[in-house]
Amino acid sequence: MESEGLVVSGALKFNVTRKTRKAAYDEYQTHGFEVDLVGACRDRLVLATVKSFFGSRGVVASHVKGDGTNYAKWYALLNQTDVREAVVNRAAERFGYDVDQIEMRLYAGRFSTAASEAEIREWAKSQIIGSGPLQVYDAKHVVAKVREAAKSKQYRDSAVLATLKVLDATGALVPTSQT
């Protein structure tokens, strides 16, 4: 996100008040929904949820889409329209952006299968959030951007870039053409 000229911060919570399932009377509860990364510039705000899943099965399409699984709640920010609209509206109010200046992204470190990845990407195209469809980025995209940034000779105070430069200098990285 920094390579796009965005200033990036870590996780922020946005409170969303929702009606409970109580049938006898109306009851409301407020929950904080966390956005993992926030990127901002003058005319754009990016809200990103990050799911790495490197040590597990990976990101599963039915979970992301909210197709009746117990894991769908992990992706409420993406698959529950009332939650995502409330979060986008709270972000717009909090940071002074118009809703149509806000975009939402999913960064997935690992997908469970190639078919699941394709299904998520297709579904995301139909999920209009803020300024447009939900954007999906994978680990290869992120690594390519980090490697590109690490090529610069200009100093940047970044532990990630410094680590990448050390690995490259010691021959511990596979050249990009082989990945």
N, C-alpha and C. Protein backbone atom coordinates (compact mmCIF):
# COMPACT_ATOMS: atom_id res chain seq x y z
N MET A 1 0.82 -1.18 0.00
CA MET A 1 0.00 0.00 0.00
C MET A 1 0.87 1.26 0.00
N GLU A 2 2.02 1.17 0.66
CA GLU A 2 2.94 2.31 0.63
C GLU A 2 3.42 2.60 -0.78
N SER A 3 3.58 1.56 -1.60
CA SER A 3 4.04 1.76 -2.97
C SER A 3 3.02 2.53 -3.81
N GLU A 4 1.80 2.63 -3.32
CA GLU A 4 0.75 3.39 -4.00
C GLU A 4 0.68 4.83 -3.49
N GLY A 5 1.62 5.20 -2.62
CA GLY A 5 1.61 6.55 -2.07
C GLY A 5 0.69 6.72 -0.88
N LEU A 6 0.30 5.62 -0.27
CA LEU A 6 -0.58 5.69 0.90
C LEU A 6 0.24 5.67 2.18
N VAL A 7 -0.21 6.42 3.17
CA VAL A 7 0.33 6.32 4.52
C VAL A 7 -0.44 5.18 5.17
N VAL A 8 0.27 4.23 5.76
CA VAL A 8 -0.37 3.01 6.25
C VAL A 8 -0.27 2.92 7.77
N SER A 9 -1.38 2.60 8.40
CA SER A 9 -1.38 2.37 9.84
C SER A 9 -1.85 0.94 10.10
N GLY A 10 -1.64 0.52 11.32
CA GLY A 10 -2.07 -0.82 11.71
C GLY A 10 -3.55 -0.88 12.00
N ALA A 11 -3.94 -1.90 12.73
CA ALA A 11 -5.35 -2.22 12.96
C ALA A 11 -6.11 -1.12 13.70
N LEU A 12 -7.34 -0.92 13.27
CA LEU A 12 -8.28 0.00 13.93
C LEU A 12 -9.63 -0.70 14.03
N LYS A 13 -10.34 -0.40 15.14
CA LYS A 13 -11.69 -0.96 15.30
C LYS A 13 -12.73 0.11 15.02
N PHE A 14 -13.82 -0.35 14.44
CA PHE A 14 -14.96 0.51 14.17
C PHE A 14 -16.18 -0.13 14.83
N ASN A 15 -16.87 0.63 15.68
CA ASN A 15 -18.03 0.09 16.38
C ASN A 15 -19.26 0.06 15.48
N VAL A 16 -19.96 -1.07 15.55
CA VAL A 16 -21.18 -1.26 14.77
C VAL A 16 -22.25 -1.77 15.74
N THR A 17 -23.39 -1.07 15.76
CA THR A 17 -24.51 -1.47 16.61
C THR A 17 -25.50 -2.26 15.76
N ARG A 18 -25.84 -3.45 16.27
CA ARG A 18 -26.74 -4.33 15.53
C ARG A 18 -27.83 -4.86 16.46
N LYS A 19 -28.99 -5.11 15.87
CA LYS A 19 -30.10 -5.70 16.61
C LYS A 19 -29.80 -7.17 16.86
N THR A 20 -30.08 -7.64 18.07
CA THR A 20 -29.87 -9.05 18.39
C THR A 20 -31.06 -9.87 17.90
N ARG A 21 -31.01 -11.15 18.11
CA ARG A 21 -32.08 -12.05 17.64
C ARG A 21 -33.19 -12.24 18.67
N LYS A 22 -33.19 -11.47 19.71
CA LYS A 22 -34.23 -11.60 20.74
C LYS A 22 -35.60 -11.38 20.11
N ALA A 23 -36.49 -12.30 20.34
CA ALA A 23 -37.84 -12.20 19.76
C ALA A 23 -38.79 -11.44 20.69
N ALA A 24 -38.58 -11.55 22.00
CA ALA A 24 -39.50 -10.97 22.97
C ALA A 24 -39.43 -9.44 23.01
N TYR A 25 -38.25 -8.88 22.72
CA TYR A 25 -38.09 -7.42 22.78
C TYR A 25 -36.89 -7.02 21.92
N ASP A 26 -36.87 -5.74 21.60
CA ASP A 26 -35.74 -5.23 20.80
C ASP A 26 -34.53 -5.03 21.69
N GLU A 27 -33.42 -5.57 21.27
CA GLU A 27 -32.17 -5.40 22.00
C GLU A 27 -31.07 -5.15 20.98
N TYR A 28 -30.17 -4.26 21.32
CA TYR A 28 -29.07 -3.92 20.43
C TYR A 28 -27.75 -4.11 21.15
N GLN A 29 -26.76 -4.55 20.41
CA GLN A 29 -25.41 -4.70 20.95
C GLN A 29 -24.43 -4.02 20.01
N THR A 30 -23.40 -3.47 20.61
CA THR A 30 -22.35 -2.83 19.83
C THR A 30 -21.10 -3.69 19.87
N HIS A 31 -20.56 -3.96 18.70
CA HIS A 31 -19.35 -4.77 18.57
C HIS A 31 -18.32 -3.97 17.78
N GLY A 32 -17.07 -4.17 18.11
CA GLY A 32 -15.99 -3.55 17.34
C GLY A 32 -15.53 -4.48 16.24
N PHE A 33 -15.55 -4.00 15.01
CA PHE A 33 -15.05 -4.78 13.88
C PHE A 33 -13.72 -4.19 13.45
N GLU A 34 -12.71 -5.06 13.39
CA GLU A 34 -11.35 -4.60 13.17
C GLU A 34 -10.96 -4.63 11.70
N VAL A 35 -10.38 -3.53 11.27
CA VAL A 35 -9.76 -3.42 9.96
C VAL A 35 -8.27 -3.57 10.22
N ASP A 36 -7.61 -4.50 9.55
CA ASP A 36 -6.21 -4.81 9.84
C ASP A 36 -5.23 -3.73 9.40
N LEU A 37 -5.48 -3.13 8.26
CA LEU A 37 -4.62 -2.07 7.73
C LEU A 37 -5.48 -0.94 7.19
N VAL A 38 -5.02 0.29 7.40
CA VAL A 38 -5.69 1.46 6.85
C VAL A 38 -4.64 2.24 6.08
N GLY A 39 -4.93 2.50 4.82
CA GLY A 39 -4.04 3.30 3.98
C GLY A 39 -4.75 4.58 3.57
N ALA A 40 -4.04 5.69 3.64
CA ALA A 40 -4.69 6.97 3.34
C ALA A 40 -3.79 7.88 2.53
N CYS A 41 -4.41 8.65 1.66
CA CYS A 41 -3.78 9.78 1.00
C CYS A 41 -4.86 10.85 0.88
N ARG A 42 -4.56 11.92 0.22
CA ARG A 42 -5.45 13.07 0.15
C ARG A 42 -6.86 12.72 -0.31
N ASP A 43 -6.97 11.86 -1.30
CA ASP A 43 -8.27 11.61 -1.92
C ASP A 43 -8.72 10.15 -1.90
N ARG A 44 -8.08 9.34 -1.04
CA ARG A 44 -8.44 7.92 -1.03
C ARG A 44 -8.13 7.31 0.33
N LEU A 45 -9.03 6.45 0.79
CA LEU A 45 -8.85 5.71 2.03
C LEU A 45 -9.06 4.23 1.72
N VAL A 46 -8.10 3.40 2.11
CA VAL A 46 -8.17 1.97 1.85
C VAL A 46 -8.30 1.24 3.18
N LEU A 47 -9.32 0.41 3.29
CA LEU A 47 -9.53 -0.44 4.47
C LEU A 47 -9.22 -1.87 4.05
N ALA A 48 -8.31 -2.52 4.76
CA ALA A 48 -7.89 -3.86 4.35
C ALA A 48 -8.02 -4.86 5.49
N THR A 49 -8.52 -6.02 5.15
CA THR A 49 -8.52 -7.14 6.07
C THR A 49 -7.47 -8.13 5.55
N VAL A 50 -6.68 -8.66 6.47
CA VAL A 50 -5.56 -9.52 6.11
C VAL A 50 -5.76 -10.90 6.73
N LYS A 51 -5.70 -11.92 5.90
CA LYS A 51 -5.79 -13.31 6.36
C LYS A 51 -4.60 -14.05 5.78
N SER A 52 -3.65 -14.41 6.63
CA SER A 52 -2.43 -15.05 6.10
C SER A 52 -2.63 -16.55 5.90
N PHE A 53 -3.02 -17.26 6.94
CA PHE A 53 -3.28 -18.70 6.87
C PHE A 53 -2.11 -19.51 6.31
N PHE A 54 -0.88 -19.07 6.54
CA PHE A 54 0.26 -19.82 6.03
C PHE A 54 0.42 -21.16 6.73
N GLY A 55 0.05 -21.24 7.99
CA GLY A 55 0.21 -22.48 8.73
C GLY A 55 -1.04 -23.34 8.76
N SER A 56 -2.00 -23.04 7.91
CA SER A 56 -3.25 -23.80 7.94
C SER A 56 -3.77 -24.05 6.53
N ARG A 57 -5.01 -24.40 6.46
CA ARG A 57 -5.66 -24.78 5.20
C ARG A 57 -5.65 -23.67 4.15
N GLY A 58 -5.81 -22.44 4.58
CA GLY A 58 -5.89 -21.32 3.65
C GLY A 58 -7.27 -20.69 3.68
N VAL A 59 -7.42 -19.60 2.95
CA VAL A 59 -8.68 -18.88 2.88
C VAL A 59 -9.65 -19.67 2.00
N VAL A 60 -10.83 -19.93 2.54
CA VAL A 60 -11.84 -20.78 1.89
C VAL A 60 -12.98 -19.91 1.35
N ALA A 61 -13.40 -20.15 0.14
CA ALA A 61 -14.43 -19.34 -0.51
C ALA A 61 -15.73 -19.29 0.29
N SER A 62 -16.21 -20.43 0.75
CA SER A 62 -17.50 -20.44 1.46
C SER A 62 -17.43 -19.62 2.75
N HIS A 63 -16.27 -19.55 3.37
CA HIS A 63 -16.11 -18.75 4.58
C HIS A 63 -16.16 -17.27 4.24
N VAL A 64 -15.42 -16.87 3.21
CA VAL A 64 -15.37 -15.46 2.81
C VAL A 64 -16.76 -14.99 2.37
N LYS A 65 -17.45 -15.81 1.60
CA LYS A 65 -18.76 -15.44 1.06
C LYS A 65 -19.87 -15.51 2.11
N GLY A 66 -19.60 -16.16 3.24
CA GLY A 66 -20.60 -16.28 4.29
C GLY A 66 -21.66 -17.31 4.01
N ASP A 67 -21.28 -18.37 3.32
CA ASP A 67 -22.23 -19.41 2.93
C ASP A 67 -22.53 -20.39 4.07
N GLY A 68 -23.13 -19.90 5.13
CA GLY A 68 -23.65 -20.74 6.19
C GLY A 68 -22.66 -21.56 6.99
N THR A 69 -21.40 -21.21 6.99
CA THR A 69 -20.43 -21.96 7.78
C THR A 69 -20.17 -21.24 9.10
N ASN A 70 -19.64 -21.97 10.07
CA ASN A 70 -19.28 -21.36 11.35
C ASN A 70 -18.14 -20.36 11.19
N TYR A 71 -17.37 -20.50 10.14
CA TYR A 71 -16.22 -19.64 9.94
C TYR A 71 -16.57 -18.33 9.23
N ALA A 72 -17.78 -18.21 8.73
CA ALA A 72 -18.20 -17.00 8.01
C ALA A 72 -18.05 -15.75 8.86
N LYS A 73 -18.22 -15.90 10.19
CA LYS A 73 -18.11 -14.73 11.08
C LYS A 73 -16.71 -14.13 11.06
N TRP A 74 -15.70 -14.92 10.71
CA TRP A 74 -14.33 -14.40 10.61
C TRP A 74 -14.24 -13.35 9.50
N TYR A 75 -15.18 -13.40 8.58
CA TYR A 75 -15.17 -12.51 7.42
C TYR A 75 -16.39 -11.58 7.41
N ALA A 76 -16.97 -11.31 8.58
CA ALA A 76 -18.17 -10.47 8.65
C ALA A 76 -17.96 -9.12 7.99
N LEU A 77 -16.77 -8.60 8.08
CA LEU A 77 -16.45 -7.31 7.45
C LEU A 77 -16.65 -7.36 5.94
N LEU A 78 -16.52 -8.53 5.36
CA LEU A 78 -16.67 -8.69 3.91
C LEU A 78 -18.04 -9.21 3.51
N ASN A 79 -18.58 -10.17 4.26
CA ASN A 79 -19.78 -10.86 3.79
C ASN A 79 -21.09 -10.42 4.43
N GLN A 80 -21.03 -9.55 5.42
CA GLN A 80 -22.26 -9.05 6.03
C GLN A 80 -22.43 -7.58 5.64
N THR A 81 -23.37 -7.35 4.75
CA THR A 81 -23.56 -6.03 4.15
C THR A 81 -23.73 -4.94 5.19
N ASP A 82 -24.52 -5.19 6.24
CA ASP A 82 -24.74 -4.15 7.25
C ASP A 82 -23.45 -3.80 7.98
N VAL A 83 -22.61 -4.79 8.24
CA VAL A 83 -21.34 -4.54 8.93
C VAL A 83 -20.41 -3.72 8.05
N ARG A 84 -20.22 -4.15 6.83
CA ARG A 84 -19.27 -3.44 5.97
C ARG A 84 -19.74 -2.03 5.65
N GLU A 85 -21.05 -1.84 5.44
CA GLU A 85 -21.55 -0.48 5.19
C GLU A 85 -21.34 0.40 6.41
N ALA A 86 -21.60 -0.13 7.60
CA ALA A 86 -21.41 0.64 8.82
C ALA A 86 -19.94 0.99 9.01
N VAL A 87 -19.05 0.04 8.77
CA VAL A 87 -17.61 0.31 8.92
C VAL A 87 -17.15 1.37 7.93
N VAL A 88 -17.58 1.27 6.69
CA VAL A 88 -17.20 2.27 5.68
C VAL A 88 -17.75 3.64 6.08
N ASN A 89 -19.00 3.69 6.55
CA ASN A 89 -19.57 4.97 6.98
C ASN A 89 -18.84 5.55 8.18
N ARG A 90 -18.49 4.70 9.15
CA ARG A 90 -17.74 5.17 10.33
C ARG A 90 -16.36 5.68 9.92
N ALA A 91 -15.72 4.97 9.00
CA ALA A 91 -14.40 5.41 8.52
C ALA A 91 -14.51 6.75 7.81
N ALA A 92 -15.55 6.91 7.00
CA ALA A 92 -15.76 8.18 6.29
C ALA A 92 -15.93 9.32 7.29
N GLU A 93 -16.75 9.10 8.31
CA GLU A 93 -16.97 10.12 9.35
C GLU A 93 -15.69 10.40 10.13
N ARG A 94 -15.02 9.36 10.53
CA ARG A 94 -13.83 9.48 11.39
C ARG A 94 -12.68 10.20 10.70
N PHE A 95 -12.49 9.94 9.41
CA PHE A 95 -11.32 10.48 8.72
C PHE A 95 -11.64 11.56 7.69
N GLY A 96 -12.93 11.90 7.52
CA GLY A 96 -13.30 13.00 6.65
C GLY A 96 -13.29 12.70 5.16
N TYR A 97 -13.56 11.47 4.79
CA TYR A 97 -13.64 11.08 3.38
C TYR A 97 -15.10 10.90 2.99
N ASP A 98 -15.38 11.03 1.71
CA ASP A 98 -16.68 10.63 1.18
C ASP A 98 -16.65 9.12 1.02
N VAL A 99 -17.80 8.48 1.13
CA VAL A 99 -17.88 7.03 0.98
C VAL A 99 -17.31 6.58 -0.35
N ASP A 100 -17.52 7.37 -1.40
CA ASP A 100 -17.01 6.97 -2.72
C ASP A 100 -15.51 7.18 -2.89
N GLN A 101 -14.83 7.58 -1.82
CA GLN A 101 -13.37 7.67 -1.81
C GLN A 101 -12.74 6.50 -1.05
N ILE A 102 -13.56 5.60 -0.57
CA ILE A 102 -13.09 4.50 0.28
C ILE A 102 -13.17 3.19 -0.49
N GLU A 103 -12.10 2.41 -0.39
CA GLU A 103 -12.12 1.08 -0.99
C GLU A 103 -11.78 0.04 0.07
N MET A 104 -12.27 -1.17 -0.15
CA MET A 104 -11.99 -2.26 0.77
C MET A 104 -11.22 -3.35 0.03
N ARG A 105 -10.28 -3.95 0.77
CA ARG A 105 -9.43 -5.00 0.20
C ARG A 105 -9.35 -6.21 1.11
N LEU A 106 -9.12 -7.35 0.48
CA LEU A 106 -8.78 -8.58 1.17
C LEU A 106 -7.38 -8.97 0.72
N TYR A 107 -6.47 -9.07 1.68
CA TYR A 107 -5.13 -9.60 1.40
C TYR A 107 -5.11 -11.02 1.95
N ALA A 108 -4.93 -11.99 1.07
CA ALA A 108 -4.92 -13.39 1.46
C ALA A 108 -3.53 -13.97 1.24
N GLY A 109 -2.93 -14.44 2.31
CA GLY A 109 -1.61 -15.04 2.19
C GLY A 109 -1.65 -16.36 1.45
N ARG A 110 -2.68 -17.11 1.74
CA ARG A 110 -2.80 -18.44 1.14
C ARG A 110 -4.27 -18.77 0.94
N PHE A 111 -4.61 -19.26 -0.23
CA PHE A 111 -5.97 -19.74 -0.50
C PHE A 111 -5.98 -21.24 -0.31
N SER A 112 -7.13 -21.79 0.07
CA SER A 112 -7.22 -23.23 0.32
C SER A 112 -6.98 -24.03 -0.96
N THR A 113 -7.52 -23.57 -2.08
CA THR A 113 -7.33 -24.23 -3.38
C THR A 113 -7.36 -23.16 -4.47
N ALA A 114 -6.91 -23.52 -5.65
CA ALA A 114 -6.99 -22.59 -6.79
C ALA A 114 -8.45 -22.31 -7.13
N ALA A 115 -9.31 -23.31 -7.00
CA ALA A 115 -10.74 -23.11 -7.27
C ALA A 115 -11.36 -22.14 -6.27
N SER A 116 -10.95 -22.26 -5.01
CA SER A 116 -11.45 -21.35 -3.98
C SER A 116 -11.00 -19.92 -4.25
N GLU A 117 -9.74 -19.77 -4.67
CA GLU A 117 -9.24 -18.44 -5.02
C GLU A 117 -10.06 -17.84 -6.16
N ALA A 118 -10.30 -18.62 -7.20
CA ALA A 118 -11.07 -18.13 -8.35
C ALA A 118 -12.49 -17.75 -7.94
N GLU A 119 -13.08 -18.55 -7.08
CA GLU A 119 -14.45 -18.27 -6.61
C GLU A 119 -14.49 -16.99 -5.78
N ILE A 120 -13.49 -16.80 -4.92
CA ILE A 120 -13.42 -15.57 -4.11
C ILE A 120 -13.25 -14.35 -5.01
N ARG A 121 -12.35 -14.45 -5.96
CA ARG A 121 -12.11 -13.31 -6.87
C ARG A 121 -13.37 -12.97 -7.68
N GLU A 122 -14.07 -13.98 -8.14
CA GLU A 122 -15.30 -13.74 -8.91
C GLU A 122 -16.38 -13.11 -8.03
N TRP A 123 -16.55 -13.64 -6.82
CA TRP A 123 -17.53 -13.10 -5.87
C TRP A 123 -17.19 -11.66 -5.53
N ALA A 124 -15.91 -11.38 -5.30
CA ALA A 124 -15.48 -10.03 -4.90
C ALA A 124 -15.86 -8.98 -5.94
N LYS A 125 -15.84 -9.35 -7.20
CA LYS A 125 -16.20 -8.40 -8.27
C LYS A 125 -17.63 -7.87 -8.11
N SER A 126 -18.49 -8.67 -7.49
CA SER A 126 -19.89 -8.27 -7.34
C SER A 126 -20.17 -7.56 -6.01
N GLN A 127 -19.15 -7.45 -5.16
CA GLN A 127 -19.32 -6.84 -3.85
C GLN A 127 -18.88 -5.38 -3.91
N ILE A 128 -19.81 -4.49 -4.14
CA ILE A 128 -19.49 -3.07 -4.25
C ILE A 128 -19.45 -2.48 -2.84
N ILE A 129 -18.28 -2.01 -2.48
CA ILE A 129 -18.05 -1.46 -1.14
C ILE A 129 -17.37 -0.11 -1.31
N GLY A 130 -18.04 0.96 -0.89
CA GLY A 130 -17.44 2.28 -1.05
C GLY A 130 -17.33 2.65 -2.52
N SER A 131 -16.08 2.83 -2.98
CA SER A 131 -15.84 3.32 -4.35
C SER A 131 -15.94 2.26 -5.44
N GLY A 132 -16.04 1.01 -5.07
CA GLY A 132 -16.08 -0.02 -6.11
C GLY A 132 -16.03 -1.42 -5.54
N PRO A 133 -15.72 -2.39 -6.39
CA PRO A 133 -15.71 -3.79 -5.94
C PRO A 133 -14.58 -4.07 -4.95
N LEU A 134 -14.83 -5.06 -4.11
CA LEU A 134 -13.83 -5.56 -3.18
C LEU A 134 -12.61 -6.01 -3.98
N GLN A 135 -11.45 -5.55 -3.59
CA GLN A 135 -10.20 -5.92 -4.27
C GLN A 135 -9.54 -7.08 -3.51
N VAL A 136 -9.01 -8.04 -4.23
CA VAL A 136 -8.37 -9.21 -3.62
C VAL A 136 -6.91 -9.25 -4.06
N TYR A 137 -6.01 -9.35 -3.07
CA TYR A 137 -4.58 -9.42 -3.33
C TYR A 137 -4.02 -10.68 -2.68
N ASP A 138 -3.07 -11.32 -3.37
CA ASP A 138 -2.46 -12.52 -2.82
C ASP A 138 -1.01 -12.24 -2.40
N ALA A 139 -0.38 -13.24 -1.80
CA ALA A 139 0.98 -13.09 -1.30
C ALA A 139 1.97 -12.78 -2.42
N LYS A 140 1.78 -13.36 -3.59
CA LYS A 140 2.70 -13.10 -4.71
C LYS A 140 2.69 -11.63 -5.09
N HIS A 141 1.53 -11.02 -5.08
CA HIS A 141 1.42 -9.58 -5.39
C HIS A 141 2.20 -8.76 -4.36
N VAL A 142 2.00 -9.09 -3.08
CA VAL A 142 2.67 -8.36 -2.01
C VAL A 142 4.18 -8.53 -2.10
N VAL A 143 4.64 -9.75 -2.31
CA VAL A 143 6.09 -10.00 -2.41
C VAL A 143 6.69 -9.26 -3.60
N ALA A 144 6.00 -9.24 -4.71
CA ALA A 144 6.50 -8.51 -5.89
C ALA A 144 6.66 -7.02 -5.57
N LYS A 145 5.71 -6.45 -4.86
CA LYS A 145 5.79 -5.02 -4.50
C LYS A 145 6.93 -4.77 -3.51
N VAL A 146 7.11 -5.66 -2.56
CA VAL A 146 8.19 -5.50 -1.57
C VAL A 146 9.55 -5.65 -2.25
N ARG A 147 9.67 -6.62 -3.13
CA ARG A 147 10.94 -6.80 -3.86
C ARG A 147 11.25 -5.58 -4.71
N GLU A 148 10.24 -5.02 -5.33
CA GLU A 148 10.42 -3.82 -6.15
C GLU A 148 10.91 -2.66 -5.27
N ALA A 149 10.30 -2.49 -4.11
CA ALA A 149 10.70 -1.42 -3.19
C ALA A 149 12.11 -1.64 -2.67
N ALA A 150 12.50 -2.90 -2.46
CA ALA A 150 13.83 -3.21 -1.92
C ALA A 150 14.94 -2.94 -2.93
N LYS A 151 14.62 -2.85 -4.21
CA LYS A 151 15.64 -2.57 -5.23
C LYS A 151 16.20 -1.16 -5.12
N SER A 152 15.43 -0.27 -4.53
CA SER A 152 15.86 1.12 -4.42
C SER A 152 17.11 1.24 -3.56
N LYS A 153 18.01 2.10 -3.96
CA LYS A 153 19.24 2.34 -3.20
C LYS A 153 19.01 3.39 -2.11
N GLN A 154 17.89 4.08 -2.19
CA GLN A 154 17.57 5.10 -1.20
C GLN A 154 17.21 4.43 0.12
N TYR A 155 17.74 4.98 1.23
CA TYR A 155 17.47 4.40 2.55
C TYR A 155 16.02 4.60 2.94
N ARG A 156 15.41 3.54 3.48
CA ARG A 156 14.07 3.62 4.07
C ARG A 156 14.14 2.91 5.40
N ASP A 157 13.57 3.51 6.41
CA ASP A 157 13.56 2.93 7.75
C ASP A 157 12.47 1.85 7.81
N SER A 158 12.79 0.68 7.27
CA SER A 158 11.83 -0.41 7.20
C SER A 158 12.55 -1.72 7.49
N ALA A 159 12.13 -2.39 8.56
CA ALA A 159 12.75 -3.67 8.92
C ALA A 159 12.53 -4.71 7.82
N VAL A 160 11.39 -4.67 7.17
CA VAL A 160 11.09 -5.64 6.11
C VAL A 160 12.04 -5.44 4.94
N LEU A 161 12.19 -4.19 4.50
CA LEU A 161 13.08 -3.93 3.36
C LEU A 161 14.53 -4.24 3.71
N ALA A 162 14.95 -3.90 4.94
CA ALA A 162 16.32 -4.19 5.36
C ALA A 162 16.56 -5.70 5.37
N THR A 163 15.61 -6.46 5.87
CA THR A 163 15.74 -7.92 5.89
C THR A 163 15.84 -8.48 4.48
N LEU A 164 15.01 -8.00 3.60
CA LEU A 164 15.04 -8.47 2.21
C LEU A 164 16.38 -8.15 1.56
N LYS A 165 16.91 -6.97 1.83
CA LYS A 165 18.20 -6.59 1.25
C LYS A 165 19.33 -7.48 1.78
N VAL A 166 19.29 -7.82 3.07
CA VAL A 166 20.30 -8.71 3.65
C VAL A 166 20.19 -10.10 3.02
N LEU A 167 18.99 -10.62 2.91
CA LEU A 167 18.80 -11.94 2.30
C LEU A 167 19.29 -11.95 0.85
N ASP A 168 19.01 -10.88 0.14
CA ASP A 168 19.46 -10.78 -1.25
C ASP A 168 20.98 -10.70 -1.33
N ALA A 169 21.59 -9.89 -0.46
CA ALA A 169 23.04 -9.70 -0.47
C ALA A 169 23.79 -10.98 -0.12
N THR A 170 23.16 -11.83 0.67
CA THR A 170 23.82 -13.09 1.08
C THR A 170 23.47 -14.25 0.15
N GLY A 171 22.71 -13.99 -0.89
CA GLY A 171 22.35 -15.04 -1.83
C GLY A 171 21.26 -15.97 -1.34
N ALA A 172 20.55 -15.57 -0.29
CA ALA A 172 19.52 -16.44 0.28
C ALA A 172 18.17 -16.33 -0.43
N LEU A 173 18.03 -15.39 -1.34
CA LEU A 173 16.77 -15.23 -2.07
C LEU A 173 16.83 -15.91 -3.43
N VAL A 174 15.73 -16.48 -3.83
CA VAL A 174 15.61 -17.03 -5.18
C VAL A 174 15.37 -15.84 -6.11
N PRO A 175 16.09 -15.75 -7.21
CA PRO A 175 15.86 -14.64 -8.14
C PRO A 175 14.41 -14.60 -8.61
N THR A 176 13.90 -13.41 -8.86
CA THR A 176 12.51 -13.22 -9.26
C THR A 176 12.13 -14.06 -10.47
N SER A 177 13.03 -14.23 -11.41
CA SER A 177 12.72 -14.99 -12.63
C SER A 177 12.44 -16.46 -12.34
N GLN A 178 12.85 -16.95 -11.16
CA GLN A 178 12.63 -18.36 -10.81
C GLN A 178 11.40 -18.57 -9.94
N THR A 179 10.72 -17.49 -9.56
CA THR A 179 9.56 -17.65 -8.68
C THR A 179 8.29 -17.74 -9.46
